[in-house]
């Protein structure tokens, strides 16, 4: 919990639920093109890890994230699916939101 003294506070912040919307602010402010953002969030981490992930090719796992580039949404950490709910972005309006995730070809997440 973060509602305590600094010394008692949990370490770290949660970024999983806000990563896409945060990074897309660079696109919406015309600082970075969309292709670069997608590459930095997919192929580049996969290459760093030395894995077969981060690409769409025949014979590779179908790991796909579907997102709405222009959906505005307000960060509400109480709705995060991850265990960690610490974020400095609580209450922030972001543009761009994950709508669905497929992992290994299976539908694992849906946000209507």
C-alpha atoms as a PDB file:
ATOM      1  CA  UNK A   1       0.000   0.000   0.000  1.00  0.00           C
ATOM      2  CA  UNK A   2       1.055   3.595  -0.608  1.00  0.00           C
ATOM      3  CA  UNK A   3      -1.240   5.199   1.997  1.00  0.00           C
ATOM      4  CA  UNK A   4       1.474   5.179   4.647  1.00  0.00           C
ATOM      5  CA  UNK A   5       4.819   6.754   5.459  1.00  0.00           C
ATOM      6  CA  UNK A   6       7.546   6.686   2.817  1.00  0.00           C
ATOM      7  CA  UNK A   7       9.554   4.153   4.833  1.00  0.00           C
ATOM      8  CA  UNK A   8       6.570   1.772   5.018  1.00  0.00           C
ATOM      9  CA  UNK A   9       5.531   2.153   1.361  1.00  0.00           C
ATOM     10  CA  UNK A  10       5.653  -0.760  -1.084  1.00  0.00           C
ATOM     11  CA  UNK A  11       8.384  -0.578  -3.730  1.00  0.00           C
ATOM     12  CA  UNK A  12       7.753   0.079  -7.409  1.00  0.00           C
ATOM     13  CA  UNK A  13       4.879   1.146  -9.598  1.00  0.00           C
ATOM     14  CA  UNK A  14       2.478  -0.722 -11.862  1.00  0.00           C
ATOM     15  CA  UNK A  15       2.876   0.046 -15.563  1.00  0.00           C
ATOM     16  CA  UNK A  16       1.271  -2.908 -17.342  1.00  0.00           C
ATOM     17  CA  UNK A  17      -2.189  -1.366 -17.641  1.00  0.00           C
ATOM     18  CA  UNK A  18      -0.918   2.114 -18.558  1.00  0.00           C
ATOM     19  CA  UNK A  19       2.090   1.367 -20.784  1.00  0.00           C
ATOM     20  CA  UNK A  20       0.328   1.598 -24.141  1.00  0.00           C
ATOM     21  CA  UNK A  21      -1.657   4.747 -23.362  1.00  0.00           C
ATOM     22  CA  UNK A  22       1.428   6.405 -21.885  1.00  0.00           C
ATOM     23  CA  UNK A  23       3.654   5.643 -24.862  1.00  0.00           C
ATOM     24  CA  UNK A  24       0.949   6.566 -27.375  1.00  0.00           C
ATOM     25  CA  UNK A  25       1.043  10.116 -26.006  1.00  0.00           C
ATOM     26  CA  UNK A  26       4.305  10.433 -27.979  1.00  0.00           C
ATOM     27  CA  UNK A  27       2.431   9.457 -31.142  1.00  0.00           C
ATOM     28  CA  UNK A  28      -0.550  11.727 -30.475  1.00  0.00           C
ATOM     29  CA  UNK A  29       1.840  14.638 -29.812  1.00  0.00           C
ATOM     30  CA  UNK A  30       3.613  13.858 -33.130  1.00  0.00           C
ATOM     31  CA  UNK A  31       6.949  13.088 -31.479  1.00  0.00           C
ATOM     32  CA  UNK A  32       7.248   9.411 -32.542  1.00  0.00           C
ATOM     33  CA  UNK A  33       5.620   7.530 -35.421  1.00  0.00           C
ATOM     34  CA  UNK A  34       3.310   4.603 -34.694  1.00  0.00           C
ATOM     35  CA  UNK A  35       5.575   2.045 -36.395  1.00  0.00           C
ATOM     36  CA  UNK A  36       8.433   2.917 -34.045  1.00  0.00           C
ATOM     37  CA  UNK A  37       6.196   2.575 -30.988  1.00  0.00           C
ATOM     38  CA  UNK A  38       4.902  -0.826 -32.088  1.00  0.00           C
ATOM     39  CA  UNK A  39       8.445  -2.050 -32.804  1.00  0.00           C
ATOM     40  CA  UNK A  40       9.698  -0.828 -29.415  1.00  0.00           C
ATOM     41  CA  UNK A  41       6.865  -2.625 -27.603  1.00  0.00           C
ATOM     42  CA  UNK A  42       7.061  -5.882 -29.592  1.00  0.00           C
ATOM     43  CA  UNK A  43      10.005  -6.856 -31.781  1.00  0.00           C
ATOM     44  CA  UNK A  44      12.729  -5.007 -29.860  1.00  0.00           C
ATOM     45  CA  UNK A  45      12.010  -6.603 -26.441  1.00  0.00           C
ATOM     46  CA  UNK A  46      11.740 -10.013 -28.137  1.00  0.00           C
ATOM     47  CA  UNK A  47      15.110  -9.505 -29.830  1.00  0.00           C
ATOM     48  CA  UNK A  48      16.660  -8.459 -26.519  1.00  0.00           C
ATOM     49  CA  UNK A  49      15.318 -11.610 -24.857  1.00  0.00           C
ATOM     50  CA  UNK A  50      16.452 -13.750 -27.778  1.00  0.00           C
ATOM     51  CA  UNK A  51      12.983 -15.204 -28.267  1.00  0.00           C
ATOM     52  CA  UNK A  52      10.743 -16.040 -31.217  1.00  0.00           C
ATOM     53  CA  UNK A  53       8.137 -13.589 -29.948  1.00  0.00           C
ATOM     54  CA  UNK A  54       7.304 -10.084 -31.111  1.00  0.00           C
ATOM     55  CA  UNK A  55       6.548 -10.939 -34.726  1.00  0.00           C
ATOM     56  CA  UNK A  56       3.782 -12.378 -36.860  1.00  0.00           C
ATOM     57  CA  UNK A  57       5.255 -15.194 -38.937  1.00  0.00           C
ATOM     58  CA  UNK A  58       4.105 -18.657 -39.966  1.00  0.00           C
ATOM     59  CA  UNK A  59       5.074 -21.219 -37.342  1.00  0.00           C
ATOM     60  CA  UNK A  60       5.573 -18.665 -34.562  1.00  0.00           C
ATOM     61  CA  UNK A  61       3.249 -18.209 -31.554  1.00  0.00           C
ATOM     62  CA  UNK A  62       0.304 -15.932 -32.327  1.00  0.00           C
ATOM     63  CA  UNK A  63       0.708 -13.356 -29.567  1.00  0.00           C
ATOM     64  CA  UNK A  64      -1.314 -10.309 -30.599  1.00  0.00           C
ATOM     65  CA  UNK A  65      -2.609  -7.222 -28.840  1.00  0.00           C
ATOM     66  CA  UNK A  66      -5.546  -5.365 -30.373  1.00  0.00           C
ATOM     67  CA  UNK A  67      -5.874  -1.721 -29.372  1.00  0.00           C
ATOM     68  CA  UNK A  68      -7.951   1.369 -30.044  1.00  0.00           C
ATOM     69  CA  UNK A  69      -5.509   4.109 -30.965  1.00  0.00           C
ATOM     70  CA  UNK A  70      -7.925   6.923 -30.123  1.00  0.00           C
ATOM     71  CA  UNK A  71      -9.949   5.725 -27.125  1.00  0.00           C
ATOM     72  CA  UNK A  72      -9.764   8.186 -24.235  1.00  0.00           C
ATOM     73  CA  UNK A  73      -9.852   6.635 -20.784  1.00  0.00           C
ATOM     74  CA  UNK A  74      -9.155   7.676 -17.217  1.00  0.00           C
ATOM     75  CA  UNK A  75      -6.670   5.597 -15.222  1.00  0.00           C
ATOM     76  CA  UNK A  76      -8.352   3.969 -12.224  1.00  0.00           C
ATOM     77  CA  UNK A  77      -5.853   1.767 -10.404  1.00  0.00           C
ATOM     78  CA  UNK A  78      -8.618   0.047  -8.436  1.00  0.00           C
ATOM     79  CA  UNK A  79      -9.664  -1.592 -11.733  1.00  0.00           C
ATOM     80  CA  UNK A  80      -6.177  -2.929 -12.593  1.00  0.00           C
ATOM     81  CA  UNK A  81      -6.139  -6.687 -13.153  1.00  0.00           C
ATOM     82  CA  UNK A  82      -2.564  -7.036 -11.922  1.00  0.00           C
ATOM     83  CA  UNK A  83      -1.888  -7.407  -8.209  1.00  0.00           C
ATOM     84  CA  UNK A  84       0.137  -4.204  -8.083  1.00  0.00           C
ATOM     85  CA  UNK A  85      -1.972  -1.075  -8.060  1.00  0.00           C
ATOM     86  CA  UNK A  86       0.674   1.571  -7.338  1.00  0.00           C
ATOM     87  CA  UNK A  87       0.717   4.195 -10.097  1.00  0.00           C
ATOM     88  CA  UNK A  88       1.448   7.901 -10.291  1.00  0.00           C
ATOM     89  CA  UNK A  89      -1.030   8.013 -13.202  1.00  0.00           C
ATOM     90  CA  UNK A  90      -4.183   7.324 -11.169  1.00  0.00           C
ATOM     91  CA  UNK A  91      -6.820   9.766 -12.426  1.00  0.00           C
ATOM     92  CA  UNK A  92      -4.846  10.672 -15.567  1.00  0.00           C
ATOM     93  CA  UNK A  93      -6.629  10.794 -18.932  1.00  0.00           C
ATOM     94  CA  UNK A  94      -4.812   8.672 -21.543  1.00  0.00           C
ATOM     95  CA  UNK A  95      -5.554   8.140 -25.231  1.00  0.00           C
ATOM     96  CA  UNK A  96      -5.113   4.633 -26.637  1.00  0.00           C
ATOM     97  CA  UNK A  97      -6.274   1.465 -24.908  1.00  0.00           C
ATOM     98  CA  UNK A  98      -5.779  -2.272 -25.193  1.00  0.00           C
ATOM     99  CA  UNK A  99      -9.021  -3.954 -26.304  1.00  0.00           C
ATOM    100  CA  UNK A 100      -7.991  -7.625 -26.583  1.00  0.00           C
ATOM    101  CA  UNK A 101      -5.011  -9.940 -26.224  1.00  0.00           C
ATOM    102  CA  UNK A 102      -4.314 -13.288 -27.856  1.00  0.00           C
ATOM    103  CA  UNK A 103      -1.556 -15.442 -26.344  1.00  0.00           C
ATOM    104  CA  UNK A 104      -0.361 -18.522 -28.207  1.00  0.00           C
ATOM    105  CA  UNK A 105      -3.351 -18.096 -30.483  1.00  0.00           C
ATOM    106  CA  UNK A 106      -5.789 -18.159 -27.531  1.00  0.00           C
ATOM    107  CA  UNK A 107      -8.091 -15.273 -26.627  1.00  0.00           C
ATOM    108  CA  UNK A 108      -6.960 -14.371 -23.074  1.00  0.00           C
ATOM    109  CA  UNK A 109      -8.126 -10.786 -22.473  1.00  0.00           C
ATOM    110  CA  UNK A 110     -11.020  -8.644 -23.619  1.00  0.00           C
ATOM    111  CA  UNK A 111     -11.846  -5.060 -22.648  1.00  0.00           C
ATOM    112  CA  UNK A 112     -15.220  -3.896 -23.913  1.00  0.00           C
END
